[in-house]
């Protein structure tokens, strides 16, 4: 939010000192928005003190406000825009579009994060972390567009109603400052970035836990690739050592000839 505070009392004192200035600016002092303290939000302009005459304001949260019509100017007005004014218009729209899209992604991420916490789903955590990273990108682009529009209005555009076209007395009596909501917005983006990192780390940790549980589950069914010789033969290598190597009474035929057991007919 951008806040502009106009010292109207000082403007009146200048009118009293310079009658010509009073004649030239007395109508603008009553009707022109630039001569009133105001707060610029995303869609409305609100007046904390006095309100311009015949401006069609409405009350919102206790303050008179008007809608910001710069997003959709009349076709006759837009046809006379310079390239810089057209650029400002597109960046204003991009500011709102990326902001709304970022809010939508945040809502989806919150829903998926709730499901992931209930089920301890690694994929849900990872999806939430990546989605929040995308949200940070969208919100950062939105804020960058907002700051660029503010730069164009104050330092580039020279036509009315922008700063460079103001009367000197208005420039000297107007003070610019950023509202607390701008600081809160940047802090919120930073917290979303932290949340994204935490969700991604949680997904990585859950993956390690799943692998550890799977390894422990199948460990009981796994056998070594080699065996202990002592464990294979519990009674020694020659368990039946009391018997001979060949059946009793037939030892000779196994030693005669190359195929001893086939030479009995010779």
Protein backbone atom coordinates (compact mmCIF):
# COMPACT_ATOMS: atom_id res chain seq x y z
CA UNK A 1 0.00 0.00 0.00
CA UNK A 2 1.24 3.46 -0.91
CA UNK A 3 0.31 6.36 1.35
CA UNK A 4 0.42 9.99 0.25
CA UNK A 5 0.01 12.64 2.94
CA UNK A 6 -0.81 16.16 1.69
CA UNK A 7 -0.36 19.13 4.01
CA UNK A 8 -3.45 21.03 2.90
CA UNK A 9 -2.93 23.73 5.50
CA UNK A 10 0.39 24.61 3.92
CA UNK A 11 -1.28 24.77 0.51
CA UNK A 12 -3.86 27.21 1.91
CA UNK A 13 -1.06 29.35 3.35
CA UNK A 14 0.55 29.41 -0.11
CA UNK A 15 -2.78 30.52 -1.61
CA UNK A 16 -2.94 33.38 0.90
CA UNK A 17 0.60 34.46 0.03
CA UNK A 18 0.07 34.20 -3.73
CA UNK A 19 -3.42 35.25 -4.90
CA UNK A 20 -2.60 34.21 -8.47
CA UNK A 21 -1.94 30.68 -7.29
CA UNK A 22 -5.25 30.70 -5.48
CA UNK A 23 -7.13 31.72 -8.61
CA UNK A 24 -5.41 29.07 -10.70
CA UNK A 25 -5.66 26.13 -8.30
CA UNK A 26 -8.71 26.79 -6.13
CA UNK A 27 -10.91 24.41 -8.15
CA UNK A 28 -8.26 21.67 -8.18
CA UNK A 29 -7.80 22.12 -4.44
CA UNK A 30 -11.43 21.11 -3.91
CA UNK A 31 -11.91 18.47 -6.60
CA UNK A 32 -8.55 17.02 -7.63
CA UNK A 33 -7.55 13.79 -5.87
CA UNK A 34 -3.90 14.82 -5.84
CA UNK A 35 -4.60 17.57 -3.29
CA UNK A 36 -5.97 15.13 -0.70
CA UNK A 37 -4.25 12.63 1.57
CA UNK A 38 -4.95 9.14 0.27
CA UNK A 39 -4.00 5.49 0.52
CA UNK A 40 -3.54 3.44 -2.65
CA UNK A 41 -4.59 -0.17 -2.30
CA UNK A 42 -4.75 -2.81 -4.98
CA UNK A 43 -8.26 -1.95 -6.13
CA UNK A 44 -9.35 1.13 -4.14
CA UNK A 45 -8.13 4.59 -3.21
CA UNK A 46 -9.18 5.62 0.31
CA UNK A 47 -9.12 9.03 1.98
CA UNK A 48 -8.30 9.08 5.71
CA UNK A 49 -9.16 12.77 6.15
CA UNK A 50 -11.14 14.99 3.80
CA UNK A 51 -12.67 13.80 0.53
CA UNK A 52 -12.74 15.51 -2.89
CA UNK A 53 -16.07 17.02 -3.88
CA UNK A 54 -18.39 15.14 -6.26
CA UNK A 55 -16.11 12.15 -6.55
CA UNK A 56 -18.68 9.44 -5.86
CA UNK A 57 -16.96 7.91 -2.85
CA UNK A 58 -18.32 5.09 -0.72
CA UNK A 59 -17.57 4.05 2.83
CA UNK A 60 -15.35 1.01 3.36
CA UNK A 61 -14.02 0.00 6.77
CA UNK A 62 -14.87 3.45 8.10
CA UNK A 63 -12.99 5.40 5.40
CA UNK A 64 -14.36 6.98 2.21
CA UNK A 65 -12.97 5.18 -0.85
CA UNK A 66 -13.25 5.15 -4.62
CA UNK A 67 -12.51 2.37 -7.10
CA UNK A 68 -9.26 2.50 -9.02
CA UNK A 69 -10.41 2.69 -12.64
CA UNK A 70 -6.91 2.73 -14.14
CA UNK A 71 -7.05 -1.02 -14.81
CA UNK A 72 -9.75 -0.63 -17.46
CA UNK A 73 -9.72 2.90 -18.88
CA UNK A 74 -12.20 4.05 -21.49
CA UNK A 75 -11.27 3.20 -25.07
CA UNK A 76 -11.17 6.87 -26.06
CA UNK A 77 -8.71 7.54 -23.25
CA UNK A 78 -6.59 4.46 -23.94
CA UNK A 79 -6.21 5.37 -27.62
CA UNK A 80 -4.29 8.48 -26.57
CA UNK A 81 -1.91 6.58 -24.29
CA UNK A 82 1.81 6.86 -24.88
CA UNK A 83 3.96 3.73 -24.97
CA UNK A 84 4.97 4.30 -21.35
CA UNK A 85 1.36 4.67 -20.24
CA UNK A 86 0.49 1.46 -22.06
CA UNK A 87 3.41 -0.24 -20.37
CA UNK A 88 2.14 0.96 -17.00
CA UNK A 89 -1.33 -0.41 -17.78
CA UNK A 90 0.00 -3.87 -18.66
CA UNK A 91 2.20 -4.06 -15.59
CA UNK A 92 -0.72 -3.04 -13.37
CA UNK A 93 -2.77 -5.89 -14.80
CA UNK A 94 0.15 -8.31 -14.47
CA UNK A 95 0.46 -7.28 -10.84
CA UNK A 96 -3.13 -8.29 -10.10
CA UNK A 97 -3.04 -11.43 -12.27
CA UNK A 98 0.07 -12.89 -10.65
CA UNK A 99 -1.22 -12.00 -7.19
CA UNK A 100 -4.55 -13.76 -7.71
CA UNK A 101 -2.84 -16.77 -9.31
CA UNK A 102 -0.44 -16.99 -6.38
CA UNK A 103 -3.36 -17.00 -3.93
CA UNK A 104 -4.96 -19.85 -5.87
CA UNK A 105 -1.78 -21.93 -5.74
CA UNK A 106 -1.49 -21.31 -1.99
CA UNK A 107 -5.02 -22.59 -1.40
CA UNK A 108 -4.30 -25.77 -3.38
CA UNK A 109 -1.03 -26.30 -1.52
CA UNK A 110 -2.76 -25.93 1.86
CA UNK A 111 -5.30 -28.61 0.93
CA UNK A 112 -2.62 -31.03 -0.31
CA UNK A 113 -0.45 -30.33 2.74
CA UNK A 114 -3.33 -31.25 5.04
CA UNK A 115 -3.82 -34.54 3.21
CA UNK A 116 -0.09 -35.21 3.27
CA UNK A 117 0.15 -34.62 7.02
CA UNK A 118 -2.80 -36.93 7.68
CA UNK A 119 -1.41 -39.75 5.53
CA UNK A 120 2.30 -38.99 5.92
CA UNK A 121 2.59 -38.91 2.15
CA UNK A 122 6.03 -38.10 0.79
CA UNK A 123 4.65 -37.19 -2.63
CA UNK A 124 2.13 -34.79 -1.10
CA UNK A 125 4.88 -33.05 0.86
CA UNK A 126 7.09 -32.75 -2.21
CA UNK A 127 4.19 -31.41 -4.30
CA UNK A 128 3.41 -28.87 -1.58
CA UNK A 129 7.02 -27.72 -1.40
CA UNK A 130 7.29 -27.24 -5.16
CA UNK A 131 3.88 -25.52 -5.24
CA UNK A 132 4.95 -23.08 -2.53
CA UNK A 133 8.11 -22.31 -4.50
CA UNK A 134 5.89 -21.46 -7.45
CA UNK A 135 3.81 -19.27 -5.14
CA UNK A 136 6.90 -17.38 -4.02
CA UNK A 137 7.81 -16.78 -7.65
CA UNK A 138 4.31 -15.49 -8.50
CA UNK A 139 4.13 -13.20 -5.48
CA UNK A 140 7.64 -11.87 -6.14
CA UNK A 141 6.70 -11.08 -9.75
CA UNK A 142 3.55 -9.35 -8.51
CA UNK A 143 5.52 -7.20 -6.08
CA UNK A 144 8.10 -6.39 -8.74
CA UNK A 145 5.34 -5.24 -11.09
CA UNK A 146 3.87 -3.07 -8.35
CA UNK A 147 7.20 -1.40 -7.64
CA UNK A 148 7.84 -0.85 -11.33
CA UNK A 149 4.43 0.81 -11.77
CA UNK A 150 5.23 3.07 -8.82
CA UNK A 151 8.56 3.96 -10.43
CA UNK A 152 6.87 4.85 -13.72
CA UNK A 153 4.33 7.06 -11.97
CA UNK A 154 6.89 9.00 -9.97
CA UNK A 155 9.97 9.18 -12.19
CA UNK A 156 8.99 8.60 -15.83
CA UNK A 157 5.47 9.70 -16.76
CA UNK A 158 5.18 13.44 -17.26
CA UNK A 159 1.48 13.85 -18.01
CA UNK A 160 -1.35 14.39 -15.55
CA UNK A 161 -2.14 13.08 -12.99
CA UNK A 162 1.37 11.78 -12.32
CA UNK A 163 4.02 13.29 -10.08
CA UNK A 164 6.14 15.09 -12.68
CA UNK A 165 3.11 17.11 -13.83
CA UNK A 166 2.26 18.38 -10.35
CA UNK A 167 2.46 21.99 -9.30
CA UNK A 168 5.58 22.86 -7.27
CA UNK A 169 3.48 23.70 -4.21
CA UNK A 170 1.88 20.23 -4.35
CA UNK A 171 5.24 18.50 -4.65
CA UNK A 172 6.63 20.30 -1.62
CA UNK A 173 3.59 19.62 0.56
CA UNK A 174 3.15 15.92 -0.30
CA UNK A 175 4.94 13.17 1.60
CA UNK A 176 5.23 9.61 0.27
CA UNK A 177 5.57 6.51 2.42
CA UNK A 178 4.82 2.83 2.15
CA UNK A 179 2.16 1.36 4.41
CA UNK A 180 2.67 -1.52 6.82
CA UNK A 181 0.88 -3.89 4.44
CA UNK A 182 3.80 -3.71 2.00
CA UNK A 183 6.23 -4.83 4.71
CA UNK A 184 3.85 -7.59 5.78
CA UNK A 185 3.59 -8.74 2.16
CA UNK A 186 7.35 -9.15 1.78
CA UNK A 187 7.63 -10.88 5.17
CA UNK A 188 4.82 -13.23 4.14
CA UNK A 189 6.64 -14.13 0.93
CA UNK A 190 9.75 -14.89 2.98
CA UNK A 191 7.79 -17.19 5.30
CA UNK A 192 6.27 -19.00 2.31
CA UNK A 193 9.80 -19.60 1.04
CA UNK A 194 10.79 -21.07 4.42
CA UNK A 195 7.68 -23.29 4.40
CA UNK A 196 8.60 -24.55 0.94
CA UNK A 197 12.09 -25.52 2.07
CA UNK A 198 10.70 -27.27 5.16
CA UNK A 199 8.20 -29.30 3.12
CA UNK A 200 10.89 -30.41 0.67
CA UNK A 201 13.17 -31.41 3.56
CA UNK A 202 10.28 -33.31 5.17
CA UNK A 203 9.67 -35.20 1.93
CA UNK A 204 13.35 -36.13 1.76
CA UNK A 205 13.28 -37.33 5.36
CA UNK A 206 10.15 -39.40 4.78
CA UNK A 207 11.83 -41.04 1.79
CA UNK A 208 14.77 -42.10 3.95
CA UNK A 209 12.42 -43.46 6.60
CA UNK A 210 10.51 -45.47 3.98
CA UNK A 211 13.73 -46.92 2.59
CA UNK A 212 14.87 -47.81 6.11
CA UNK A 213 11.56 -49.52 6.91
CA UNK A 214 11.64 -51.45 3.63
CA UNK A 215 15.18 -52.62 4.29
CA UNK A 216 14.25 -53.80 7.78
CA UNK A 217 11.16 -55.61 6.46
CA UNK A 218 13.05 -57.66 3.88
CA UNK A 219 16.19 -58.17 5.95
CA UNK A 220 14.80 -61.31 7.63
CA UNK A 221 14.37 -63.04 4.24
CA UNK A 222 17.85 -62.26 2.93
CA UNK A 223 20.71 -64.85 3.14
CA UNK A 224 24.43 -64.40 2.82
CA UNK A 225 26.16 -65.19 -0.46
CA UNK A 226 28.74 -67.39 1.30
CA UNK A 227 28.39 -70.03 4.01
CA UNK A 228 30.37 -71.04 7.04
CA UNK A 229 31.88 -74.48 6.41
CA UNK A 230 31.53 -75.43 10.03
CA UNK A 231 27.85 -74.57 9.95
CA UNK A 232 27.25 -76.77 6.87
CA UNK A 233 28.69 -79.96 8.38
CA UNK A 234 28.00 -79.95 12.11
CA UNK A 235 29.93 -83.19 12.80
CA UNK A 236 33.10 -82.55 10.82
CA UNK A 237 34.15 -83.05 7.23
CA UNK A 238 34.11 -86.88 7.34
CA UNK A 239 30.93 -87.49 9.24
CA UNK A 240 30.83 -91.20 8.51
CA UNK A 241 34.56 -91.78 8.99
CA UNK A 242 34.07 -95.28 10.39
CA UNK A 243 33.15 -96.69 6.97
CA UNK A 244 35.34 -97.17 3.94
CA UNK A 245 35.30 -95.14 0.82
CA UNK A 246 33.62 -97.90 -1.22
CA UNK A 247 30.94 -100.45 -0.46
CA UNK A 248 32.37 -103.46 1.36
CA UNK A 249 33.52 -106.23 -0.99
CA UNK A 250 33.33 -104.21 -4.20
CA UNK A 251 36.36 -101.98 -3.95
CA UNK A 252 38.36 -103.72 -6.66
CA UNK A 253 36.01 -103.24 -9.52
CA UNK A 254 36.15 -99.47 -9.09
CA UNK A 255 39.90 -99.51 -9.63
CA UNK A 256 40.22 -101.76 -12.73
CA UNK A 257 40.26 -99.96 -16.05
CA UNK A 258 39.26 -96.53 -17.01
CA UNK A 259 35.57 -97.32 -16.45
CA UNK A 260 36.00 -99.84 -13.72
CA UNK A 261 32.37 -100.34 -13.03
CA UNK A 262 31.78 -101.40 -16.69
CA UNK A 263 34.59 -104.01 -17.00
CA UNK A 264 33.00 -106.89 -15.20
CA UNK A 265 32.27 -108.74 -18.48
CA UNK A 266 35.85 -108.83 -19.78
